[in-house]
Amino acid sequence: MDEQRRAALKELARAINYDGIKLNLLEEALTHRSYANENPSAAIRDNERLEFLGDAVVELCVSDAIMRHFPDYKEGQMSKLRASIVHERPLASLAARFRLGDYLLLGKGEESSGGRDKPSLLADAFEAVIAAIYLDGGFEKVHQLLWEMFEPLIVDADGSDIYRDHKTTLQEISQTRFREIPHYTIIGEFGPDHDKTFIIQMEIPNSIKTTGSGKNKKEAEQEAAREALAILEARADQTTMDGS
């Protein structure tokens, strides 16, 4: 890591209000797999492991904040609100606030395709940075930072959906109507690493099967769930017409 890069990462650390973070951790959090694959001699890991951990840390901290702000909410209400906040769109907005896209290390293909502005990459990078802070400073530090970031979103949401979570809606309907939980399976993926498309199959046993596509697995799952909801709605409408 040269001095220019070190200076840039220190600038980011100040922006996220955590000057003391280890720069090698922050570097890993901002390294997309396309860069790591194209630069094996750099001996740097991509941010996917950190993203995995950061997803869990963000979800825990947001769950805690929701419970504190809405003490009368039932489990289902809290789950819906959390799903509307811990999602690509709001996470990408937070990443944009700190200009994470400017600090990403991207491969040539990802760079040329506008990777610095892709919501999926920004959201992933945000979660990876959160994991880096957690590993470096512990839970109390990351909890404090996330509370400051997410509290305004939670207060503004006030129980309304920021993002329509088709998966949660489908699961609720499926458990009530079919006593089954939807199952999601990757059945295909194509395209280069910097522009991959995933195909997901959703199945409710003995009832319905749909597919969805997206630039990441979560997006493809949401699309498959949306298709299933449309089919179930059409079935309900048909039943109403037949019975009238």
C-alpha atoms as a PDB file:
ATOM      1  CA  MET A   1       0.000   0.000   0.000  1.00  0.00           C
ATOM      2  CA  ASP A   2       1.607   3.250  -1.103  1.00  0.00           C
ATOM      3  CA  GLU A   3       1.436   6.532   0.784  1.00  0.00           C
ATOM      4  CA  GLN A   4      -1.243   7.992  -1.471  1.00  0.00           C
ATOM      5  CA  ARG A   5      -3.521   5.031  -0.759  1.00  0.00           C
ATOM      6  CA  ARG A   6      -2.769   5.211   2.958  1.00  0.00           C
ATOM      7  CA  ALA A   7      -3.681   8.893   2.975  1.00  0.00           C
ATOM      8  CA  ALA A   8      -6.954   8.164   1.152  1.00  0.00           C
ATOM      9  CA  LEU A   9      -7.922   5.431   3.621  1.00  0.00           C
ATOM     10  CA  LYS A  10      -7.109   7.708   6.566  1.00  0.00           C
ATOM     11  CA  GLU A  11      -9.400  10.303   5.008  1.00  0.00           C
ATOM     12  CA  LEU A  12     -12.194   7.703   4.838  1.00  0.00           C
ATOM     13  CA  ALA A  13     -11.561   6.620   8.426  1.00  0.00           C
ATOM     14  CA  ARG A  14     -12.029  10.202   9.568  1.00  0.00           C
ATOM     15  CA  ALA A  15     -15.237  10.471   7.546  1.00  0.00           C
ATOM     16  CA  ILE A  16     -16.738   7.422   9.263  1.00  0.00           C
ATOM     17  CA  ASN A  17     -15.570   8.746  12.638  1.00  0.00           C
ATOM     18  CA  TYR A  18     -13.110   5.962  13.348  1.00  0.00           C
ATOM     19  CA  ASP A  19      -9.566   7.226  12.939  1.00  0.00           C
ATOM     20  CA  GLY A  20      -7.918   4.277  14.652  1.00  0.00           C
ATOM     21  CA  ILE A  21      -8.965   1.475  12.307  1.00  0.00           C
ATOM     22  CA  LYS A  22      -6.238  -0.777  10.922  1.00  0.00           C
ATOM     23  CA  LEU A  23      -5.740   0.295   7.331  1.00  0.00           C
ATOM     24  CA  ASN A  24      -5.107  -3.243   6.083  1.00  0.00           C
ATOM     25  CA  LEU A  25      -8.583  -4.241   7.282  1.00  0.00           C
ATOM     26  CA  LEU A  26     -10.133  -1.223   5.617  1.00  0.00           C
ATOM     27  CA  GLU A  27      -8.235  -2.030   2.423  1.00  0.00           C
ATOM     28  CA  GLU A  28      -9.636  -5.564   2.397  1.00  0.00           C
ATOM     29  CA  ALA A  29     -13.155  -4.236   2.981  1.00  0.00           C
ATOM     30  CA  LEU A  30     -12.854  -2.085  -0.134  1.00  0.00           C
ATOM     31  CA  THR A  31     -11.369  -4.730  -2.428  1.00  0.00           C
ATOM     32  CA  HIS A  32     -13.798  -6.215  -4.920  1.00  0.00           C
ATOM     33  CA  ARG A  33     -13.116  -9.763  -6.084  1.00  0.00           C
ATOM     34  CA  SER A  34     -12.541  -8.512  -9.639  1.00  0.00           C
ATOM     35  CA  TYR A  35      -9.493  -6.571  -8.429  1.00  0.00           C
ATOM     36  CA  ALA A  36      -8.175  -9.446  -6.317  1.00  0.00           C
ATOM     37  CA  ASN A  37      -8.526 -11.831  -9.275  1.00  0.00           C
ATOM     38  CA  GLU A  38      -6.706  -9.482 -11.644  1.00  0.00           C
ATOM     39  CA  ASN A  39      -3.914  -8.711  -9.165  1.00  0.00           C
ATOM     40  CA  PRO A  40      -2.917 -11.987  -7.491  1.00  0.00           C
ATOM     41  CA  SER A  41       0.602 -10.694  -6.848  1.00  0.00           C
ATOM     42  CA  ALA A  42      -0.853  -8.042  -4.540  1.00  0.00           C
ATOM     43  CA  ALA A  43      -1.711 -10.836  -2.082  1.00  0.00           C
ATOM     44  CA  ILE A  44      -4.880  -9.063  -0.973  1.00  0.00           C
ATOM     45  CA  ARG A  45      -8.158 -10.803  -0.182  1.00  0.00           C
ATOM     46  CA  ASP A  46     -11.462  -9.617  -1.577  1.00  0.00           C
ATOM     47  CA  ASN A  47     -14.180  -8.277   0.710  1.00  0.00           C
ATOM     48  CA  GLU A  48     -16.681 -11.130   0.476  1.00  0.00           C
ATOM     49  CA  ARG A  49     -15.841 -12.694   3.851  1.00  0.00           C
ATOM     50  CA  LEU A  50     -16.089  -9.301   5.527  1.00  0.00           C
ATOM     51  CA  GLU A  51     -19.370  -8.645   3.731  1.00  0.00           C
ATOM     52  CA  PHE A  52     -20.748 -11.898   5.187  1.00  0.00           C
ATOM     53  CA  LEU A  53     -19.835 -10.834   8.712  1.00  0.00           C
ATOM     54  CA  GLY A  54     -20.936  -7.225   8.224  1.00  0.00           C
ATOM     55  CA  ASP A  55     -24.390  -8.324   7.099  1.00  0.00           C
ATOM     56  CA  ALA A  56     -24.903 -10.067  10.451  1.00  0.00           C
ATOM     57  CA  VAL A  57     -23.493  -7.154  12.466  1.00  0.00           C
ATOM     58  CA  VAL A  58     -25.724  -4.607  10.724  1.00  0.00           C
ATOM     59  CA  GLU A  59     -28.796  -6.790  11.182  1.00  0.00           C
ATOM     60  CA  LEU A  60     -28.122  -7.237  14.912  1.00  0.00           C
ATOM     61  CA  CYS A  61     -27.568  -3.534  15.531  1.00  0.00           C
ATOM     62  CA  VAL A  62     -30.622  -2.479  13.536  1.00  0.00           C
ATOM     63  CA  SER A  63     -32.726  -5.079  15.354  1.00  0.00           C
ATOM     64  CA  ASP A  64     -31.583  -3.607  18.663  1.00  0.00           C
ATOM     65  CA  ALA A  65     -32.452  -0.073  17.529  1.00  0.00           C
ATOM     66  CA  ILE A  66     -35.895  -1.116  16.314  1.00  0.00           C
ATOM     67  CA  MET A  67     -36.701  -2.814  19.615  1.00  0.00           C
ATOM     68  CA  ARG A  68     -35.695   0.328  21.503  1.00  0.00           C
ATOM     69  CA  HIS A  69     -37.691   2.701  19.287  1.00  0.00           C
ATOM     70  CA  PHE A  70     -40.822   0.560  18.963  1.00  0.00           C
ATOM     71  CA  PRO A  71     -41.349  -1.244  22.294  1.00  0.00           C
ATOM     72  CA  ASP A  72     -44.942  -2.156  21.387  1.00  0.00           C
ATOM     73  CA  TYR A  73     -44.184  -3.754  18.024  1.00  0.00           C
ATOM     74  CA  LYS A  74     -44.814  -7.465  17.519  1.00  0.00           C
ATOM     75  CA  GLU A  75     -42.156  -9.741  16.017  1.00  0.00           C
ATOM     76  CA  GLY A  76     -43.707  -9.597  12.560  1.00  0.00           C
ATOM     77  CA  GLN A  77     -43.799  -5.799  12.522  1.00  0.00           C
ATOM     78  CA  MET A  78     -40.165  -5.604  13.618  1.00  0.00           C
ATOM     79  CA  SER A  79     -39.114  -8.106  10.957  1.00  0.00           C
ATOM     80  CA  LYS A  80     -40.822  -6.125   8.201  1.00  0.00           C
ATOM     81  CA  LEU A  81     -39.281  -2.866   9.341  1.00  0.00           C
ATOM     82  CA  ARG A  82     -35.823  -4.398   9.606  1.00  0.00           C
ATOM     83  CA  ALA A  83     -36.127  -5.929   6.129  1.00  0.00           C
ATOM     84  CA  SER A  84     -37.048  -2.517   4.727  1.00  0.00           C
ATOM     85  CA  ILE A  85     -33.948  -0.910   6.262  1.00  0.00           C
ATOM     86  CA  VAL A  86     -31.271  -3.600   6.030  1.00  0.00           C
ATOM     87  CA  HIS A  87     -31.459  -3.782   2.278  1.00  0.00           C
ATOM     88  CA  GLU A  88     -29.447  -2.812  -0.759  1.00  0.00           C
ATOM     89  CA  ARG A  89     -31.061   0.562  -1.378  1.00  0.00           C
ATOM     90  CA  PRO A  90     -30.638   2.164   2.073  1.00  0.00           C
ATOM     91  CA  LEU A  91     -27.229   0.522   2.567  1.00  0.00           C
ATOM     92  CA  ALA A  92     -26.054   1.867  -0.781  1.00  0.00           C
ATOM     93  CA  SER A  93     -27.292   5.322   0.211  1.00  0.00           C
ATOM     94  CA  LEU A  94     -25.226   5.177   3.388  1.00  0.00           C
ATOM     95  CA  ALA A  95     -22.216   4.021   1.374  1.00  0.00           C
ATOM     96  CA  ALA A  96     -22.693   6.967  -0.981  1.00  0.00           C
ATOM     97  CA  ARG A  97     -22.786   9.347   1.984  1.00  0.00           C
ATOM     98  CA  PHE A  98     -19.218   8.311   2.796  1.00  0.00           C
ATOM     99  CA  ARG A  99     -18.218   8.135  -0.899  1.00  0.00           C
ATOM    100  CA  LEU A 100     -17.177   4.502  -0.554  1.00  0.00           C
ATOM    101  CA  GLY A 101     -17.307   4.135  -4.327  1.00  0.00           C
ATOM    102  CA  ASP A 102     -14.334   6.485  -4.632  1.00  0.00           C
ATOM    103  CA  TYR A 103     -12.219   4.177  -2.474  1.00  0.00           C
ATOM    104  CA  LEU A 104     -13.118   0.821  -4.011  1.00  0.00           C
ATOM    105  CA  LEU A 105     -10.439  -1.301  -5.672  1.00  0.00           C
ATOM    106  CA  LEU A 106     -12.044  -2.679  -8.825  1.00  0.00           C
ATOM    107  CA  GLY A 107     -10.916  -4.795 -11.749  1.00  0.00           C
ATOM    108  CA  LYS A 108     -10.802  -3.223 -15.184  1.00  0.00           C
ATOM    109  CA  GLY A 109     -14.110  -4.699 -16.328  1.00  0.00           C
ATOM    110  CA  GLU A 110     -15.956  -3.639 -13.199  1.00  0.00           C
ATOM    111  CA  GLU A 111     -14.425  -0.180 -13.417  1.00  0.00           C
ATOM    112  CA  SER A 112     -15.446   0.297 -17.041  1.00  0.00           C
ATOM    113  CA  SER A 113     -19.016  -0.851 -16.362  1.00  0.00           C
ATOM    114  CA  GLY A 114     -19.595   1.804 -13.702  1.00  0.00           C
ATOM    115  CA  GLY A 115     -18.967  -0.393 -10.684  1.00  0.00           C
ATOM    116  CA  ARG A 116     -18.286   2.547  -8.393  1.00  0.00           C
ATOM    117  CA  ASP A 117     -21.920   3.593  -8.664  1.00  0.00           C
ATOM    118  CA  LYS A 118     -23.587   0.167  -8.562  1.00  0.00           C
ATOM    119  CA  PRO A 119     -25.918  -0.088  -5.551  1.00  0.00           C
ATOM    120  CA  SER A 120     -25.083  -3.770  -5.041  1.00  0.00           C
ATOM    121  CA  LEU A 121     -21.336  -3.103  -4.849  1.00  0.00           C
ATOM    122  CA  LEU A 122     -21.823  -0.093  -2.598  1.00  0.00           C
ATOM    123  CA  ALA A 123     -24.076  -2.013  -0.214  1.00  0.00           C
ATOM    124  CA  ASP A 124     -21.611  -4.906  -0.087  1.00  0.00           C
ATOM    125  CA  ALA A 125     -18.713  -2.543   0.560  1.00  0.00           C
ATOM    126  CA  PHE A 126     -20.650  -0.820   3.349  1.00  0.00           C
ATOM    127  CA  GLU A 127     -21.257  -4.161   5.086  1.00  0.00           C
ATOM    128  CA  ALA A 128     -17.595  -5.105   4.659  1.00  0.00           C
ATOM    129  CA  VAL A 129     -16.440  -1.807   6.190  1.00  0.00           C
ATOM    130  CA  ILE A 130     -18.784  -2.381   9.133  1.00  0.00           C
ATOM    131  CA  ALA A 131     -17.220  -5.820   9.635  1.00  0.00           C
ATOM    132  CA  ALA A 132     -13.745  -4.257   9.561  1.00  0.00           C
ATOM    133  CA  ILE A 133     -14.774  -1.800  12.283  1.00  0.00           C
ATOM    134  CA  TYR A 134     -16.264  -4.644  14.324  1.00  0.00           C
ATOM    135  CA  LEU A 135     -13.100  -6.745  14.070  1.00  0.00           C
ATOM    136  CA  ASP A 136     -10.874  -3.793  14.899  1.00  0.00           C
ATOM    137  CA  GLY A 137     -12.858  -1.963  17.555  1.00  0.00           C
ATOM    138  CA  GLY A 138     -15.309  -4.497  18.928  1.00  0.00           C
ATOM    139  CA  PHE A 139     -19.068  -4.520  19.227  1.00  0.00           C
ATOM    140  CA  GLU A 140     -19.518  -1.390  21.323  1.00  0.00           C
ATOM    141  CA  LYS A 141     -17.673   0.755  18.792  1.00  0.00           C
ATOM    142  CA  VAL A 142     -19.556  -0.547  15.775  1.00  0.00           C
ATOM    143  CA  HIS A 143     -22.872  -0.432  17.639  1.00  0.00           C
ATOM    144  CA  GLN A 144     -22.346   3.241  18.449  1.00  0.00           C
ATOM    145  CA  LEU A 145     -21.503   4.113  14.843  1.00  0.00           C
ATOM    146  CA  LEU A 146     -24.420   2.150  13.402  1.00  0.00           C
ATOM    147  CA  TRP A 147     -26.841   3.650  15.913  1.00  0.00           C
ATOM    148  CA  GLU A 148     -25.871   7.113  14.680  1.00  0.00           C
ATOM    149  CA  MET A 149     -26.250   6.058  11.034  1.00  0.00           C
ATOM    150  CA  PHE A 150     -29.491   4.108  11.242  1.00  0.00           C
ATOM    151  CA  GLU A 151     -31.488   5.884  13.943  1.00  0.00           C
ATOM    152  CA  PRO A 152     -32.710   8.607  11.524  1.00  0.00           C
ATOM    153  CA  LEU A 153     -33.820   5.930   9.031  1.00  0.00           C
ATOM    154  CA  ILE A 154     -35.693   4.031  11.728  1.00  0.00           C
ATOM    155  CA  VAL A 155     -37.384   7.143  13.083  1.00  0.00           C
ATOM    156  CA  ASP A 156     -38.355   8.335   9.604  1.00  0.00           C
ATOM    157  CA  ALA A 157     -39.682   4.910   8.678  1.00  0.00           C
ATOM    158  CA  ASP A 158     -42.043   4.900  11.669  1.00  0.00           C
ATOM    159  CA  GLY A 159     -43.227   1.470  10.660  1.00  0.00           C
ATOM    160  CA  SER A 160     -43.685   2.168   6.953  1.00  0.00           C
ATOM    161  CA  ASP A 161     -41.857   0.233   4.265  1.00  0.00           C
ATOM    162  CA  ILE A 162     -38.782   1.847   2.756  1.00  0.00           C
ATOM    163  CA  TYR A 163     -38.443  -1.107   0.436  1.00  0.00           C
ATOM    164  CA  ARG A 164     -41.127  -3.612  -0.478  1.00  0.00           C
ATOM    165  CA  ASP A 165     -39.761  -6.926   0.735  1.00  0.00           C
ATOM    166  CA  HIS A 166     -41.447  -9.563  -1.437  1.00  0.00           C
ATOM    167  CA  LYS A 167     -39.625 -12.448   0.283  1.00  0.00           C
ATOM    168  CA  THR A 168     -41.029 -11.599   3.711  1.00  0.00           C
ATOM    169  CA  THR A 169     -44.542 -11.131   2.334  1.00  0.00           C
ATOM    170  CA  LEU A 170     -44.388 -14.438   0.452  1.00  0.00           C
ATOM    171  CA  GLN A 171     -43.097 -16.319   3.488  1.00  0.00           C
ATOM    172  CA  GLU A 172     -45.948 -15.015   5.642  1.00  0.00           C
ATOM    173  CA  ILE A 173     -48.550 -16.033   3.039  1.00  0.00           C
ATOM    174  CA  SER A 174     -46.904 -19.403   2.456  1.00  0.00           C
ATOM    175  CA  GLN A 175     -46.777 -20.307   6.140  1.00  0.00           C
ATOM    176  CA  THR A 176     -50.397 -19.282   6.648  1.00  0.00           C
ATOM    177  CA  ARG A 177     -51.874 -20.787   3.488  1.00  0.00           C
ATOM    178  CA  PHE A 178     -49.668 -23.815   2.773  1.00  0.00           C
ATOM    179  CA  ARG A 179     -47.893 -24.476   6.074  1.00  0.00           C
ATOM    180  CA  GLU A 180     -44.651 -24.400   4.092  1.00  0.00           C
ATOM    181  CA  ILE A 181     -41.614 -22.124   3.837  1.00  0.00           C
ATOM    182  CA  PRO A 182     -40.444 -21.033   0.356  1.00  0.00           C
ATOM    183  CA  HIS A 183     -37.149 -22.588  -0.732  1.00  0.00           C
ATOM    184  CA  TYR A 184     -34.671 -20.674  -2.923  1.00  0.00           C
ATOM    185  CA  THR A 185     -32.065 -22.413  -5.098  1.00  0.00           C
ATOM    186  CA  ILE A 186     -29.481 -21.046  -7.526  1.00  0.00           C
ATOM    187  CA  ILE A 187     -30.133 -22.777 -10.843  1.00  0.00           C
ATOM    188  CA  GLY A 188     -27.802 -20.719 -13.017  1.00  0.00           C
ATOM    189  CA  GLU A 189     -25.416 -17.827 -13.325  1.00  0.00           C
ATOM    190  CA  PHE A 190     -23.811 -16.268 -16.338  1.00  0.00           C
ATOM    191  CA  GLY A 191     -21.681 -13.335 -17.394  1.00  0.00           C
ATOM    192  CA  PRO A 192     -18.241 -12.095 -16.347  1.00  0.00           C
ATOM    193  CA  ASP A 193     -17.420 -11.482 -12.688  1.00  0.00           C
ATOM    194  CA  HIS A 194     -17.975  -7.749 -13.052  1.00  0.00           C
ATOM    195  CA  ASP A 195     -21.433  -8.175 -14.627  1.00  0.00           C
ATOM    196  CA  LYS A 196     -22.796 -11.528 -13.459  1.00  0.00           C
ATOM    197  CA  THR A 197     -26.494 -12.424 -13.515  1.00  0.00           C
ATOM    198  CA  PHE A 198     -27.976 -14.996 -11.130  1.00  0.00           C
ATOM    199  CA  ILE A 199     -31.016 -17.182 -11.770  1.00  0.00           C
ATOM    200  CA  ILE A 200     -32.897 -18.281  -8.646  1.00  0.00           C
ATOM    201  CA  GLN A 201     -35.716 -20.806  -8.428  1.00  0.00           C
ATOM    202  CA  MET A 202     -38.298 -20.411  -5.675  1.00  0.00           C
ATOM    203  CA  GLU A 203     -40.480 -23.368  -4.738  1.00  0.00           C
ATOM    204  CA  ILE A 204     -43.302 -23.789  -2.264  1.00  0.00           C
ATOM    205  CA  PRO A 205     -43.652 -27.592  -2.126  1.00  0.00           C
ATOM    206  CA  ASN A 206     -46.739 -28.947  -3.897  1.00  0.00           C
ATOM    207  CA  SER A 207     -47.968 -25.470  -4.716  1.00  0.00           C
ATOM    208  CA  ILE A 208     -45.927 -23.110  -6.854  1.00  0.00           C
ATOM    209  CA  LYS A 209     -42.553 -22.733  -8.531  1.00  0.00           C
ATOM    210  CA  THR A 210     -41.100 -19.535 -10.032  1.00  0.00           C
ATOM    211  CA  THR A 211     -37.766 -18.155 -11.161  1.00  0.00           C
ATOM    212  CA  GLY A 212     -36.161 -14.754 -10.861  1.00  0.00           C
ATOM    213  CA  SER A 213     -32.996 -13.124 -12.144  1.00  0.00           C
ATOM    214  CA  GLY A 214     -30.830 -10.347 -10.792  1.00  0.00           C
ATOM    215  CA  LYS A 215     -27.346  -8.926 -10.531  1.00  0.00           C
ATOM    216  CA  ASN A 216     -26.977 -10.521  -7.115  1.00  0.00           C
ATOM    217  CA  LYS A 217     -28.632 -13.398  -5.273  1.00  0.00           C
ATOM    218  CA  LYS A 218     -30.818 -11.197  -3.082  1.00  0.00           C
ATOM    219  CA  GLU A 219     -32.199  -9.335  -6.090  1.00  0.00           C
ATOM    220  CA  ALA A 220     -32.940 -12.606  -7.917  1.00  0.00           C
ATOM    221  CA  GLU A 221     -34.704 -14.024  -4.850  1.00  0.00           C
ATOM    222  CA  GLN A 222     -36.846 -10.910  -4.557  1.00  0.00           C
ATOM    223  CA  GLU A 223     -37.826 -11.199  -8.216  1.00  0.00           C
ATOM    224  CA  ALA A 224     -38.769 -14.879  -7.824  1.00  0.00           C
ATOM    225  CA  ALA A 225     -40.855 -13.999  -4.759  1.00  0.00           C
ATOM    226  CA  ARG A 226     -42.531 -11.133  -6.627  1.00  0.00           C
ATOM    227  CA  GLU A 227     -43.508 -13.510  -9.444  1.00  0.00           C
ATOM    228  CA  ALA A 228     -44.955 -15.958  -6.925  1.00  0.00           C
ATOM    229  CA  LEU A 229     -47.007 -13.241  -5.248  1.00  0.00           C
ATOM    230  CA  ALA A 230     -48.423 -12.198  -8.628  1.00  0.00           C
ATOM    231  CA  ILE A 231     -49.460 -15.800  -9.369  1.00  0.00           C
ATOM    232  CA  LEU A 232     -51.046 -16.230  -5.948  1.00  0.00           C
ATOM    233  CA  GLU A 233     -52.941 -12.972  -6.379  1.00  0.00           C
ATOM    234  CA  ALA A 234     -54.216 -14.100  -9.785  1.00  0.00           C
ATOM    235  CA  ARG A 235     -55.347 -17.405  -8.297  1.00  0.00           C
ATOM    236  CA  ALA A 236     -57.205 -15.577  -5.546  1.00  0.00           C
ATOM    237  CA  ASP A 237     -58.904 -13.312  -8.086  1.00  0.00           C
ATOM    238  CA  GLN A 238     -59.933 -16.336 -10.167  1.00  0.00           C
ATOM    239  CA  THR A 239     -61.363 -18.095  -7.128  1.00  0.00           C
ATOM    240  CA  THR A 240     -63.374 -14.983  -6.292  1.00  0.00           C
ATOM    241  CA  MET A 241     -64.726 -14.808  -9.856  1.00  0.00           C
ATOM    242  CA  ASP A 242     -65.611 -18.521  -9.900  1.00  0.00           C
ATOM    243  CA  GLY A 243     -67.463 -18.188  -6.635  1.00  0.00           C
ATOM    244  CA  SER A 244     -69.419 -15.096  -7.630  1.00  0.00           C
END
